[in-house]
């Protein structure tokens, strides 16, 4: 007979590494009745596949909230990592499932797991779920988490043109001029040719003169005479107004999570509304 671990999982020739189990399949497909029966019959909820995916990963990635709840209640490891280092919270954010994110956080999932890959906030920005982004920020997500491929969450949101996510990040105090190989969010906005995104970033102090590792400004990535090119040329030739400069200065003075700090200073609501981007 093959040996078992303390929680009843079989140890095969390659330890915990097995093919997908019926628990994985039920969790991924949202088959709650079958999953419940498997759990009651003693099936292991922490069995991992050859790529270290647990049933909780599978359920989270598909946004199967009821299955996530069943697995967590049965003792699933909330911060288990797959072969890429991603946790179930990363996968829930990738699916854009606010309900799954809330469940995982309620069971103690780390909002800032020590990863070298994309953080849960990066994943939420990739999926374009501004509600997930807001939820993660509310529980302390690192706005400047850096991924070697994607840069910061703001870089991701801009590259994917998720304006609602960009707005949430900037209103929370994300560094508009954070760089990845000297490339800023404004470079991304110019590359995707999104005028609304360019204007939003400039309003938050985006440096139109910033140069990337190739020595190029954001305007160098805009096709001549195009709307993005005209927009950037306008800002290059026209200094920010005094009111815009005041907004940028106040945000920089309050640092990360600017509006949260300002709100605690009992500053009038009208000023806070002015500082936010609507």
Protein backbone atom coordinates (compact mmCIF):
# COMPACT_ATOMS: atom_id res chain seq x y z
CA UNK A 1 0.00 0.00 0.00
CA UNK A 2 1.26 3.52 -0.84
CA UNK A 3 2.02 5.69 2.20
CA UNK A 4 -0.25 8.55 3.13
CA UNK A 5 0.50 11.98 4.56
CA UNK A 6 -1.07 13.20 7.79
CA UNK A 7 -4.07 14.60 5.95
CA UNK A 8 -4.72 11.40 4.01
CA UNK A 9 -3.09 12.26 0.68
CA UNK A 10 -1.34 9.43 -1.14
CA UNK A 11 2.38 9.72 -1.79
CA UNK A 12 3.21 8.20 -5.15
CA UNK A 13 6.54 7.79 -6.93
CA UNK A 14 6.76 11.55 -7.42
CA UNK A 15 5.44 12.62 -4.02
CA UNK A 16 2.35 14.78 -4.27
CA UNK A 17 2.73 15.27 -8.02
CA UNK A 18 -0.11 13.50 -9.80
CA UNK A 19 -2.39 14.07 -12.74
CA UNK A 20 -5.59 16.04 -12.22
CA UNK A 21 -7.85 14.38 -9.71
CA UNK A 22 -11.65 14.21 -9.57
CA UNK A 23 -11.41 16.96 -6.91
CA UNK A 24 -9.60 19.21 -9.38
CA UNK A 25 -12.17 18.51 -12.08
CA UNK A 26 -15.17 19.12 -9.82
CA UNK A 27 -13.64 22.33 -8.46
CA UNK A 28 -12.86 23.70 -11.90
CA UNK A 29 -16.29 22.90 -13.32
CA UNK A 30 -18.21 24.23 -10.32
CA UNK A 31 -19.76 20.84 -9.54
CA UNK A 32 -20.42 21.60 -5.89
CA UNK A 33 -22.46 18.47 -5.11
CA UNK A 34 -19.81 16.15 -6.49
CA UNK A 35 -17.07 18.12 -4.73
CA UNK A 36 -18.91 17.91 -1.44
CA UNK A 37 -19.30 14.14 -1.85
CA UNK A 38 -15.60 13.74 -2.63
CA UNK A 39 -14.64 15.75 0.44
CA UNK A 40 -16.99 13.76 2.66
CA UNK A 41 -15.52 10.53 1.32
CA UNK A 42 -12.05 11.64 2.41
CA UNK A 43 -10.59 12.97 -0.83
CA UNK A 44 -7.52 15.17 -0.35
CA UNK A 45 -8.21 18.84 -1.02
CA UNK A 46 -4.50 19.71 -1.15
CA UNK A 47 -3.43 17.23 -3.84
CA UNK A 48 -1.26 18.97 -6.44
CA UNK A 49 -0.75 18.22 -10.12
CA UNK A 50 2.59 18.00 -11.92
CA UNK A 51 2.54 21.79 -12.25
CA UNK A 52 1.68 22.21 -8.55
CA UNK A 53 -1.92 23.27 -9.14
CA UNK A 54 -4.25 22.54 -6.24
CA UNK A 55 -8.03 22.20 -6.50
CA UNK A 56 -8.23 25.65 -4.89
CA UNK A 57 -6.16 27.10 -7.73
CA UNK A 58 -8.47 25.43 -10.24
CA UNK A 59 -11.65 26.73 -8.61
CA UNK A 60 -10.26 30.24 -8.13
CA UNK A 61 -9.10 30.58 -11.72
CA UNK A 62 -12.61 29.75 -12.94
CA UNK A 63 -14.32 31.98 -10.38
CA UNK A 64 -16.15 29.04 -8.79
CA UNK A 65 -16.95 30.73 -5.49
CA UNK A 66 -19.03 27.90 -4.00
CA UNK A 67 -16.26 25.40 -4.67
CA UNK A 68 -13.70 27.80 -3.21
CA UNK A 69 -15.81 27.99 -0.06
CA UNK A 70 -16.10 24.19 0.20
CA UNK A 71 -12.37 23.69 -0.29
CA UNK A 72 -11.37 26.34 2.23
CA UNK A 73 -13.78 24.96 4.81
CA UNK A 74 -12.25 21.51 4.24
CA UNK A 75 -8.73 22.76 4.95
CA UNK A 76 -7.37 23.76 1.56
CA UNK A 77 -4.08 25.67 1.82
CA UNK A 78 -5.06 29.25 1.10
CA UNK A 79 -1.58 30.40 -0.02
CA UNK A 80 -0.47 27.29 -1.93
CA UNK A 81 1.76 28.11 -4.90
CA UNK A 82 1.75 26.58 -8.34
CA UNK A 83 4.83 26.02 -10.48
CA UNK A 84 4.80 29.69 -11.52
CA UNK A 85 4.59 30.85 -7.93
CA UNK A 86 1.00 32.06 -8.19
CA UNK A 87 -1.40 31.65 -5.28
CA UNK A 88 -5.15 31.02 -5.45
CA UNK A 89 -5.66 34.75 -4.75
CA UNK A 90 -3.64 35.55 -7.88
CA UNK A 91 -5.87 33.20 -9.85
CA UNK A 92 -9.08 34.63 -8.37
CA UNK A 93 -7.94 38.11 -9.38
CA UNK A 94 -7.09 36.84 -12.86
CA UNK A 95 -10.66 35.57 -13.16
CA UNK A 96 -12.03 38.91 -11.91
CA UNK A 97 -14.15 37.14 -9.29
CA UNK A 98 -14.73 39.56 -6.43
CA UNK A 99 -16.59 36.87 -4.48
CA UNK A 100 -13.64 34.47 -4.67
CA UNK A 101 -11.22 37.23 -3.70
CA UNK A 102 -13.31 38.09 -0.64
CA UNK A 103 -13.51 34.43 0.39
CA UNK A 104 -9.76 33.89 0.10
CA UNK A 105 -8.98 37.07 2.02
CA UNK A 106 -11.42 36.06 4.75
CA UNK A 107 -9.40 32.84 5.18
CA UNK A 108 -6.16 34.76 5.53
CA UNK A 109 -4.80 34.85 1.98
CA UNK A 110 -1.79 37.15 1.73
CA UNK A 111 -2.52 40.21 -0.36
CA UNK A 112 1.23 40.75 -0.85
CA UNK A 113 2.72 37.24 -1.11
CA UNK A 114 6.52 37.24 -1.56
CA UNK A 115 6.53 36.60 -5.30
CA UNK A 116 8.97 37.29 -8.09
CA UNK A 117 6.10 37.10 -10.52
CA UNK A 118 2.88 39.06 -10.91
CA UNK A 119 1.16 39.94 -7.64
CA UNK A 120 -2.59 39.61 -7.03
CA UNK A 121 -2.88 43.34 -7.83
CA UNK A 122 -1.08 42.83 -11.15
CA UNK A 123 -3.50 40.03 -11.99
CA UNK A 124 -6.53 42.15 -11.13
CA UNK A 125 -5.22 44.91 -13.41
CA UNK A 126 -4.65 42.40 -16.21
CA UNK A 127 -8.22 41.15 -15.93
CA UNK A 128 -9.55 44.71 -15.84
CA UNK A 129 -11.55 44.21 -12.65
CA UNK A 130 -11.52 47.63 -11.00
CA UNK A 131 -13.64 46.22 -8.17
CA UNK A 132 -10.97 43.62 -7.39
CA UNK A 133 -8.30 46.32 -7.64
CA UNK A 134 -10.17 48.51 -5.17
CA UNK A 135 -10.73 45.59 -2.79
CA UNK A 136 -7.04 44.64 -2.80
CA UNK A 137 -5.96 48.22 -2.21
CA UNK A 138 -8.39 48.52 0.71
CA UNK A 139 -6.66 45.58 2.46
CA UNK A 140 -3.15 46.89 1.87
CA UNK A 141 -2.00 45.75 -1.56
CA UNK A 142 1.40 47.13 -2.53
CA UNK A 143 0.76 49.71 -5.25
CA UNK A 144 4.40 49.59 -6.34
CA UNK A 145 4.82 45.80 -6.47
CA UNK A 146 7.27 45.16 -9.31
CA UNK A 147 7.26 42.30 -11.78
CA UNK A 148 10.35 41.88 -13.95
CA UNK A 149 8.20 41.45 -17.06
CA UNK A 150 5.24 43.74 -16.43
CA UNK A 151 6.59 46.47 -14.16
CA UNK A 152 4.09 47.88 -11.66
CA UNK A 153 0.33 47.30 -11.57
CA UNK A 154 -0.06 50.75 -13.17
CA UNK A 155 2.11 49.66 -16.09
CA UNK A 156 -0.12 46.62 -16.56
CA UNK A 157 -3.38 48.56 -16.38
CA UNK A 158 -2.10 51.09 -18.93
CA UNK A 159 -0.71 48.47 -21.31
CA UNK A 160 -4.10 46.70 -21.23
CA UNK A 161 -6.01 50.02 -21.50
CA UNK A 162 -8.10 49.35 -18.41
CA UNK A 163 -8.90 52.98 -17.64
CA UNK A 164 -11.09 52.23 -14.61
CA UNK A 165 -8.22 50.31 -13.00
CA UNK A 166 -5.78 53.11 -13.84
CA UNK A 167 -8.12 55.61 -12.20
CA UNK A 168 -8.42 53.54 -9.02
CA UNK A 169 -4.64 53.10 -8.80
CA UNK A 170 -3.90 56.78 -9.34
CA UNK A 171 -6.56 57.94 -6.89
CA UNK A 172 -5.03 55.56 -4.33
CA UNK A 173 -1.61 57.14 -4.76
CA UNK A 174 0.21 54.92 -7.27
CA UNK A 175 3.45 56.48 -8.54
CA UNK A 176 2.55 57.78 -11.98
CA UNK A 177 6.21 57.99 -12.99
CA UNK A 178 7.35 54.58 -11.76
CA UNK A 179 9.68 53.11 -14.36
CA UNK A 180 10.35 49.69 -15.88
CA UNK A 181 13.62 49.93 -17.83
CA UNK A 182 12.99 53.69 -17.63
CA UNK A 183 9.64 53.15 -19.34
CA UNK A 184 6.73 54.87 -17.61
CA UNK A 185 2.98 54.38 -17.76
CA UNK A 186 2.84 57.34 -20.14
CA UNK A 187 5.08 55.46 -22.58
CA UNK A 188 2.56 52.61 -22.48
CA UNK A 189 -0.33 55.00 -23.06
CA UNK A 190 1.42 56.44 -26.11
CA UNK A 191 2.16 52.97 -27.48
CA UNK A 192 -1.50 51.91 -27.22
CA UNK A 193 -2.55 55.27 -28.72
CA UNK A 194 -5.08 56.04 -25.99
CA UNK A 195 -5.71 59.78 -25.63
CA UNK A 196 -7.98 59.43 -22.58
CA UNK A 197 -5.25 57.47 -20.83
CA UNK A 198 -2.59 60.02 -21.77
CA UNK A 199 -4.67 62.89 -20.41
CA UNK A 200 -5.41 61.06 -17.17
CA UNK A 201 -1.75 60.32 -16.54
CA UNK A 202 -0.68 63.89 -17.29
CA UNK A 203 -3.30 65.21 -14.87
CA UNK A 204 -1.66 63.09 -12.17
CA UNK A 205 1.80 64.41 -12.95
CA UNK A 206 2.95 62.02 -15.66
CA UNK A 207 6.32 63.22 -17.00
CA UNK A 208 5.90 63.85 -20.71
CA UNK A 209 9.66 64.31 -21.05
CA UNK A 210 10.64 60.99 -19.41
CA UNK A 211 12.93 58.91 -21.61
CA UNK A 212 13.04 55.13 -21.68
CA UNK A 213 16.14 52.94 -22.09
CA UNK A 214 16.10 53.72 -25.81
CA UNK A 215 16.15 57.44 -25.14
CA UNK A 216 12.59 57.94 -26.34
CA UNK A 217 9.90 60.19 -24.89
CA UNK A 218 6.23 59.10 -24.87
CA UNK A 219 5.59 61.35 -27.89
CA UNK A 220 8.21 59.42 -29.88
CA UNK A 221 5.87 56.42 -29.83
CA UNK A 222 2.89 58.33 -31.26
CA UNK A 223 2.38 58.42 -35.01
CA UNK A 224 2.89 61.90 -36.41
CA UNK A 225 -0.31 63.97 -36.67
CA UNK A 226 -2.33 61.31 -34.82
CA UNK A 227 -4.60 62.27 -31.91
CA UNK A 228 -2.15 60.92 -29.28
CA UNK A 229 0.72 62.82 -30.94
CA UNK A 230 -1.25 66.07 -30.95
CA UNK A 231 -2.23 65.53 -27.31
CA UNK A 232 1.35 64.96 -26.19
CA UNK A 233 2.65 67.85 -28.28
CA UNK A 234 0.07 70.10 -26.64
CA UNK A 235 1.26 69.17 -23.16
CA UNK A 236 4.91 69.53 -24.20
CA UNK A 237 4.24 73.09 -25.36
CA UNK A 238 1.70 74.07 -22.72
CA UNK A 239 2.74 74.06 -19.03
CA UNK A 240 0.29 72.70 -16.48
CA UNK A 241 -2.06 75.26 -14.99
CA UNK A 242 -1.57 76.44 -11.41
CA UNK A 243 -4.53 74.34 -10.25
CA UNK A 244 -3.09 71.24 -11.92
CA UNK A 245 0.33 71.87 -10.36
CA UNK A 246 -1.31 72.26 -6.93
CA UNK A 247 -3.07 68.93 -7.38
CA UNK A 248 0.18 67.19 -8.32
CA UNK A 249 2.09 68.82 -5.44
CA UNK A 250 -0.52 67.82 -2.86
CA UNK A 251 -0.52 64.25 -4.10
CA UNK A 252 3.25 64.02 -3.96
CA UNK A 253 3.29 65.51 -0.47
CA UNK A 254 0.87 62.90 0.85
CA UNK A 255 2.75 60.04 -0.80
CA UNK A 256 1.29 56.56 -1.33
CA UNK A 257 -2.44 56.22 -0.69
CA UNK A 258 -2.71 59.99 -0.91
CA UNK A 259 -6.46 60.37 -0.66
CA UNK A 260 -6.59 58.08 2.39
CA UNK A 261 -4.13 60.32 4.22
CA UNK A 262 -5.89 63.49 3.11
CA UNK A 263 -9.25 62.16 4.33
CA UNK A 264 -7.77 61.60 7.82
CA UNK A 265 -6.70 65.25 7.99
CA UNK A 266 -10.34 66.40 8.04
CA UNK A 267 -9.85 68.35 4.83
CA UNK A 268 -13.16 69.43 3.25
CA UNK A 269 -14.82 66.86 1.03
CA UNK A 270 -14.81 69.31 -1.89
CA UNK A 271 -11.01 69.36 -1.89
CA UNK A 272 -10.81 65.58 -1.78
CA UNK A 273 -13.24 65.46 -4.70
CA UNK A 274 -11.07 67.95 -6.55
CA UNK A 275 -7.96 65.86 -5.99
CA UNK A 276 -9.59 62.69 -7.28
CA UNK A 277 -9.98 61.99 -10.99
CA UNK A 278 -13.61 61.58 -12.02
